[in-house]
Amino acid sequence: MTPSTNLLAILAELTEDAQQIDQEQLKQIQELILKAKRIFIAGAGRSGFAARAFSNRLMHLGFTVYFVGEPTTPSIRENDLIIIGSGSGRTEGLVNMAKKAKSEKARLATITIHPKNPIGTMADALIQIPGISTGDKATEKAPSIQPNGSSFEQLSWLVYDSIIVDLKKELKQKQSDMDYRHANLE
């Protein structure tokens, strides 16, 4: 067997980047999740795929959660929380969602590369993930062998799963509790 050098390089990059994630930032978002009446999750493109998986896991934990853009997603209101995954922090549709949520007095959290961009500046809590988004001119992150955005999307998925692990412990949920809520109309 010959190990995949690309796969090992990607894993090494993610391991190095993961060391820059601030556990306190994760805790702040976990606290917002626990206090929220309802949780709305949003993201576009590949970041949206990772965010959608997070909304699924939150549902498995028993939260009332919606992925923004689905036909059954209700209006956001006070005491709700929206979590937006956006590497750039400036995707126009997501910025508009953040503004609308804030105007309704909902809480806003984001996972982003750029906390000083519009979504990050509106956020009540954020997790900064190292990465390079499309259109970045300068960055402190070392170049990746992957296309721009890939390491952010992969690490955001892992950050979301890390939050789920902590919430599962906090809520004293067993795997059987989560399994009970798993889709059974597949």
Protein backbone atom coordinates (compact mmCIF):
# COMPACT_ATOMS: atom_id res chain seq x y z
CA MET A 1 0.00 0.00 0.00
CA THR A 2 1.16 3.51 -0.85
CA PRO A 3 -0.22 6.26 1.41
CA SER A 4 -1.92 9.20 -0.29
CA THR A 5 0.45 12.14 0.01
CA ASN A 6 -2.30 14.64 -0.81
CA LEU A 7 -4.57 13.27 1.91
CA LEU A 8 -1.77 13.33 4.47
CA ALA A 9 -0.88 16.92 3.48
CA ILE A 10 -4.53 18.00 3.88
CA LEU A 11 -4.76 16.35 7.30
CA ALA A 12 -1.49 17.98 8.40
CA GLU A 13 -2.81 21.38 7.29
CA LEU A 14 -6.09 20.89 9.17
CA THR A 15 -4.22 19.73 12.29
CA GLU A 16 -2.03 22.82 12.20
CA ASP A 17 -4.99 25.13 11.61
CA ALA A 18 -7.05 23.44 14.35
CA GLN A 19 -4.44 24.54 16.88
CA GLN A 20 -5.45 28.14 16.15
CA ILE A 21 -9.13 27.62 17.08
CA ASP A 22 -10.01 29.32 20.37
CA GLN A 23 -12.01 27.03 22.69
CA GLU A 24 -13.50 30.12 24.38
CA GLN A 25 -15.05 31.14 21.06
CA LEU A 26 -16.65 27.70 20.76
CA LYS A 27 -18.01 27.99 24.32
CA GLN A 28 -19.60 31.36 23.58
CA ILE A 29 -21.52 29.91 20.65
CA GLN A 30 -22.49 26.85 22.68
CA GLU A 31 -23.95 29.16 25.35
CA LEU A 32 -25.98 31.02 22.72
CA ILE A 33 -27.27 27.71 21.38
CA LEU A 34 -28.35 26.57 24.84
CA LYS A 35 -30.19 29.87 25.49
CA ALA A 36 -31.90 30.13 22.09
CA LYS A 37 -35.60 29.51 21.66
CA ARG A 38 -34.98 28.36 18.06
CA ILE A 39 -31.82 28.04 15.99
CA PHE A 40 -31.43 29.04 12.36
CA ILE A 41 -28.40 27.90 10.38
CA ALA A 42 -27.20 29.51 7.15
CA GLY A 43 -24.35 29.21 4.70
CA ALA A 44 -23.81 29.37 0.97
CA GLY A 45 -21.99 27.03 -1.38
CA ARG A 46 -19.68 24.46 0.15
CA SER A 47 -19.71 26.30 3.50
CA GLY A 48 -23.47 25.84 3.38
CA PHE A 49 -23.07 22.07 3.05
CA ALA A 50 -21.07 21.97 6.30
CA ALA A 51 -23.61 24.28 7.98
CA ARG A 52 -26.49 22.07 6.81
CA ALA A 53 -24.81 19.04 8.42
CA PHE A 54 -24.50 21.04 11.65
CA SER A 55 -28.22 21.83 11.62
CA ASN A 56 -28.89 18.10 11.23
CA ARG A 57 -26.75 17.22 14.26
CA LEU A 58 -28.42 19.96 16.35
CA MET A 59 -31.77 18.36 15.49
CA HIS A 60 -30.37 14.99 16.60
CA LEU A 61 -29.66 16.63 19.98
CA GLY A 62 -33.28 17.75 20.22
CA PHE A 63 -32.99 21.44 19.34
CA THR A 64 -35.61 23.24 17.29
CA VAL A 65 -33.46 24.08 14.28
CA TYR A 66 -34.02 25.29 10.73
CA PHE A 67 -31.72 25.62 7.74
CA VAL A 68 -32.43 29.01 6.15
CA GLY A 69 -33.90 28.76 2.67
CA GLU A 70 -35.96 25.63 3.19
CA PRO A 71 -39.71 26.03 2.56
CA THR A 72 -40.58 25.10 6.16
CA THR A 73 -38.23 27.66 7.72
CA PRO A 74 -40.30 30.19 9.71
CA SER A 75 -39.51 33.85 10.31
CA ILE A 76 -36.76 34.64 12.80
CA ARG A 77 -37.68 36.52 15.97
CA GLU A 78 -36.36 37.78 19.29
CA ASN A 79 -34.76 35.06 21.44
CA ASP A 80 -33.81 33.09 18.32
CA LEU A 81 -30.24 32.49 17.16
CA ILE A 82 -28.85 32.47 13.65
CA ILE A 83 -25.46 30.86 13.01
CA ILE A 84 -23.91 31.80 9.68
CA GLY A 85 -20.96 29.95 8.18
CA SER A 86 -19.14 32.30 5.81
CA GLY A 87 -15.44 32.18 5.04
CA SER A 88 -15.39 35.67 3.56
CA GLY A 89 -17.93 37.14 5.97
CA ARG A 90 -19.20 39.32 3.15
CA THR A 91 -21.43 37.12 0.97
CA GLU A 92 -24.25 39.52 0.10
CA GLY A 93 -27.19 37.20 0.76
CA LEU A 94 -25.72 36.11 4.11
CA VAL A 95 -25.00 39.72 5.10
CA ASN A 96 -28.65 40.55 4.38
CA MET A 97 -29.75 37.60 6.55
CA ALA A 98 -27.55 38.82 9.38
CA LYS A 99 -29.01 42.34 9.13
CA LYS A 100 -32.56 41.00 9.12
CA ALA A 101 -31.90 38.74 12.10
CA LYS A 102 -30.40 41.61 14.09
CA SER A 103 -33.35 43.89 13.18
CA GLU A 104 -35.66 41.22 14.68
CA LYS A 105 -33.52 41.17 17.86
CA ALA A 106 -32.23 37.66 17.23
CA ARG A 107 -28.72 36.72 18.29
CA LEU A 108 -26.09 36.20 15.60
CA ALA A 109 -23.07 33.91 15.62
CA THR A 110 -20.71 33.24 12.77
CA ILE A 111 -17.86 30.99 11.75
CA THR A 112 -15.53 32.92 9.48
CA ILE A 113 -12.02 33.58 8.30
CA HIS A 114 -12.57 37.35 8.46
CA PRO A 115 -14.18 38.59 11.71
CA LYS A 116 -13.76 42.24 10.66
CA ASN A 117 -15.95 41.81 7.58
CA PRO A 118 -19.68 42.68 7.81
CA ILE A 119 -21.09 39.47 9.32
CA GLY A 120 -18.35 39.28 11.95
CA THR A 121 -18.82 42.89 13.03
CA MET A 122 -22.55 42.25 13.62
CA ALA A 123 -22.02 38.97 15.47
CA ASP A 124 -22.70 38.42 19.16
CA ALA A 125 -20.17 35.58 19.06
CA LEU A 126 -17.83 34.18 16.44
CA ILE A 127 -15.30 31.50 15.74
CA GLN A 128 -12.36 32.55 13.61
CA ILE A 129 -10.98 29.78 11.45
CA PRO A 130 -7.72 30.17 9.53
CA GLY A 131 -8.17 29.97 5.81
CA ILE A 132 -8.06 31.65 2.44
CA SER A 133 -11.31 32.62 0.78
CA THR A 134 -11.80 33.38 -2.89
CA GLY A 135 -10.78 36.96 -3.58
CA ASP A 136 -8.35 37.26 -0.66
CA LYS A 137 -5.39 39.41 -1.59
CA ALA A 138 -3.17 38.93 1.45
CA THR A 139 -3.35 36.39 4.22
CA GLU A 140 -1.35 35.24 7.20
CA LYS A 141 -2.12 31.62 6.38
CA ALA A 142 0.38 29.47 4.55
CA PRO A 143 -0.68 28.49 1.03
CA SER A 144 -2.64 25.28 0.71
CA ILE A 145 -2.38 22.55 -1.88
CA GLN A 146 -6.19 22.72 -1.98
CA PRO A 147 -8.37 25.26 -3.81
CA ASN A 148 -9.17 28.42 -1.84
CA GLY A 149 -11.90 27.81 0.70
CA SER A 150 -11.46 24.04 1.02
CA SER A 151 -9.55 24.08 4.30
CA PHE A 152 -12.10 26.54 5.79
CA GLU A 153 -15.01 24.33 4.78
CA GLN A 154 -13.35 21.17 6.10
CA LEU A 155 -12.31 22.75 9.38
CA SER A 156 -15.71 24.40 9.86
CA TRP A 157 -17.31 20.93 9.57
CA LEU A 158 -14.94 19.67 12.27
CA VAL A 159 -15.58 22.73 14.46
CA TYR A 160 -19.32 22.13 14.17
CA ASP A 161 -18.82 18.49 15.17
CA SER A 162 -16.67 19.61 18.12
CA ILE A 163 -19.53 21.84 19.30
CA ILE A 164 -21.91 18.86 19.00
CA VAL A 165 -19.61 16.71 21.16
CA ASP A 166 -19.60 19.41 23.88
CA LEU A 167 -23.37 19.97 23.68
CA LYS A 168 -24.02 16.23 23.85
CA LYS A 169 -22.07 16.11 27.14
CA GLU A 170 -23.72 19.29 28.47
CA LEU A 171 -27.20 17.93 27.72
CA LYS A 172 -26.30 14.48 29.07
CA GLN A 173 -27.46 12.92 25.82
CA LYS A 174 -26.61 9.36 24.92
CA GLN A 175 -26.04 8.15 21.40
CA SER A 176 -29.34 6.27 21.67
CA ASP A 177 -31.11 9.63 22.28
CA MET A 178 -29.60 11.02 19.10
CA ASP A 179 -30.33 7.83 17.18
CA TYR A 180 -34.00 8.06 18.20
CA ARG A 181 -34.23 11.44 16.45
CA HIS A 182 -32.38 10.24 13.34
CA ALA A 183 -34.43 10.20 10.14
CA ASN A 184 -36.49 7.03 9.75
CA LEU A 185 -38.25 7.82 6.48
CA GLU A 186 -35.16 7.15 4.38
